[in-house]
Amino acid sequence: DPNDYPDSRHFAAFVGFAPKVTGSGGKVSVGGTRKSGNRILKRVLYMCAISRYGQTKKYDPERTSKVATLIDNEDVSNKRIVCSIANRMARVAWTIAKHGEKFDGKKCRLLEL
């Protein structure tokens, strides 16, 4: 139920794609994704994100999408890119379920091709 989560970030954290944030003494560090979360939903979103990653590499030779710019960046690992796509998909899914809207690809720059 989307009403169980106050916003899309909490839902992404439930699934397991929100980055781990720790801090002490005013210094905040952002780590990798958590190993916890809903295993089935996490696998489904991860496989969809891998598919989206592959589509970008194959069908966007001009590198115009936001995912393509991440792929071209050598400092960002492939797994981090896939997890960021999955995180975005989880947030979009929560928004669609919460507000009952239809999916609009123009609003999601990370998911457009």
Protein backbone atom coordinates (compact mmCIF):
# COMPACT_ATOMS: atom_id res chain seq x y z
CA ASP A 1 0.00 0.00 0.00
CA PRO A 2 1.61 3.32 -1.03
CA ASN A 3 -0.02 5.07 1.92
CA ASP A 4 2.30 3.13 4.26
CA TYR A 5 5.22 5.29 3.11
CA PRO A 6 5.34 9.08 3.55
CA ASP A 7 7.29 9.64 0.34
CA SER A 8 9.03 7.85 -2.51
CA ARG A 9 12.41 7.84 -0.76
CA HIS A 10 11.01 5.79 2.10
CA PHE A 11 9.56 3.32 -0.39
CA ALA A 12 12.92 3.06 -2.21
CA ALA A 13 14.56 2.42 1.16
CA PHE A 14 12.02 -0.32 1.89
CA VAL A 15 12.83 -1.98 -1.42
CA GLY A 16 16.55 -1.65 -0.70
CA PHE A 17 17.77 0.91 -3.24
CA ALA A 18 18.24 4.00 -1.10
CA PRO A 19 21.90 4.60 -0.28
CA LYS A 20 23.08 4.10 3.27
CA VAL A 21 23.67 7.46 4.96
CA THR A 22 25.81 7.59 8.07
CA GLY A 23 27.36 10.43 9.95
CA SER A 24 28.86 11.61 13.16
CA GLY A 25 30.08 14.95 14.38
CA GLY A 26 28.49 16.89 11.54
CA LYS A 27 30.18 14.88 8.79
CA VAL A 28 27.76 12.89 6.64
CA SER A 29 28.88 10.14 4.28
CA VAL A 30 26.79 8.34 1.69
CA GLY A 31 27.60 4.68 1.17
CA GLY A 32 26.36 1.98 -1.14
CA THR A 33 22.95 0.38 -1.29
CA ARG A 34 21.70 -1.82 1.51
CA LYS A 35 21.52 -5.57 1.35
CA SER A 36 18.21 -5.55 3.18
CA GLY A 37 14.83 -4.87 1.66
CA ASN A 38 12.06 -6.70 -0.12
CA ARG A 39 14.04 -9.37 -1.99
CA ILE A 40 11.49 -10.16 -4.69
CA LEU A 41 10.68 -6.56 -5.55
CA LYS A 42 14.37 -5.66 -5.43
CA ARG A 43 15.21 -8.42 -7.92
CA VAL A 44 12.43 -7.40 -10.29
CA LEU A 45 13.45 -3.74 -10.29
CA TYR A 46 17.15 -4.66 -10.61
CA MET A 47 16.47 -6.82 -13.67
CA CYS A 48 14.37 -4.05 -15.23
CA ALA A 49 17.19 -1.59 -14.57
CA ILE A 50 19.73 -3.92 -16.19
CA SER A 51 17.45 -4.09 -19.24
CA ARG A 52 17.20 -0.29 -19.32
CA TYR A 53 20.98 -0.01 -19.02
CA GLY A 54 21.43 -2.39 -21.96
CA GLN A 55 18.89 -0.51 -24.07
CA THR A 56 20.78 2.71 -23.51
CA LYS A 57 24.09 1.19 -24.54
CA LYS A 58 22.54 -0.33 -27.67
CA TYR A 59 20.00 2.23 -28.87
CA ASP A 60 21.48 5.59 -27.80
CA PRO A 61 24.72 5.96 -29.79
CA GLU A 62 24.56 9.77 -29.61
CA ARG A 63 24.53 9.55 -25.80
CA THR A 64 21.69 12.02 -25.33
CA SER A 65 19.96 10.53 -22.27
CA LYS A 66 20.96 11.03 -18.66
CA VAL A 67 21.79 7.32 -18.30
CA ALA A 68 24.16 7.60 -21.27
CA THR A 69 26.02 10.46 -19.62
CA LEU A 70 26.42 8.31 -16.51
CA ILE A 71 27.70 5.43 -18.65
CA ASP A 72 30.29 7.71 -20.25
CA ASN A 73 31.54 8.83 -16.83
CA GLU A 74 34.46 6.53 -15.96
CA ASP A 75 34.25 7.34 -12.23
CA VAL A 76 30.82 5.70 -11.86
CA SER A 77 30.64 1.89 -11.80
CA ASN A 78 28.10 -0.02 -13.89
CA LYS A 79 26.45 -1.47 -10.80
CA ARG A 80 25.97 1.99 -9.30
CA ILE A 81 24.31 3.14 -12.51
CA VAL A 82 21.98 0.12 -12.51
CA CYS A 83 21.10 0.72 -8.85
CA SER A 84 20.36 4.39 -9.54
CA ILE A 85 18.03 3.39 -12.37
CA ALA A 86 16.30 0.86 -10.09
CA ASN A 87 16.00 3.50 -7.35
CA ARG A 88 14.35 5.85 -9.83
CA MET A 89 11.99 3.10 -11.01
CA ALA A 90 10.95 2.40 -7.42
CA ARG A 91 10.23 6.09 -6.84
CA VAL A 92 8.22 6.37 -10.04
CA ALA A 93 6.24 3.23 -9.15
CA TRP A 94 5.39 4.68 -5.72
CA THR A 95 4.25 7.96 -7.27
CA ILE A 96 2.05 6.21 -9.81
CA ALA A 97 0.50 4.00 -7.12
CA LYS A 98 0.04 6.87 -4.65
CA HIS A 99 -1.54 9.42 -6.97
CA GLY A 100 -3.17 7.11 -9.51
CA GLU A 101 -1.52 8.94 -12.40
CA LYS A 102 -0.53 7.48 -15.72
CA PHE A 103 3.16 7.15 -16.47
CA ASP A 104 4.58 10.20 -18.25
CA GLY A 105 8.03 9.50 -19.67
CA LYS A 106 8.73 13.22 -20.16
CA LYS A 107 8.80 13.72 -16.39
CA CYS A 108 11.44 11.02 -15.87
CA ARG A 109 14.69 12.09 -17.51
CA LEU A 110 16.57 9.13 -16.06
CA LEU A 111 14.18 6.66 -17.67
CA GLU A 112 13.87 8.24 -21.12
CA LEU A 113 15.75 6.86 -24.08
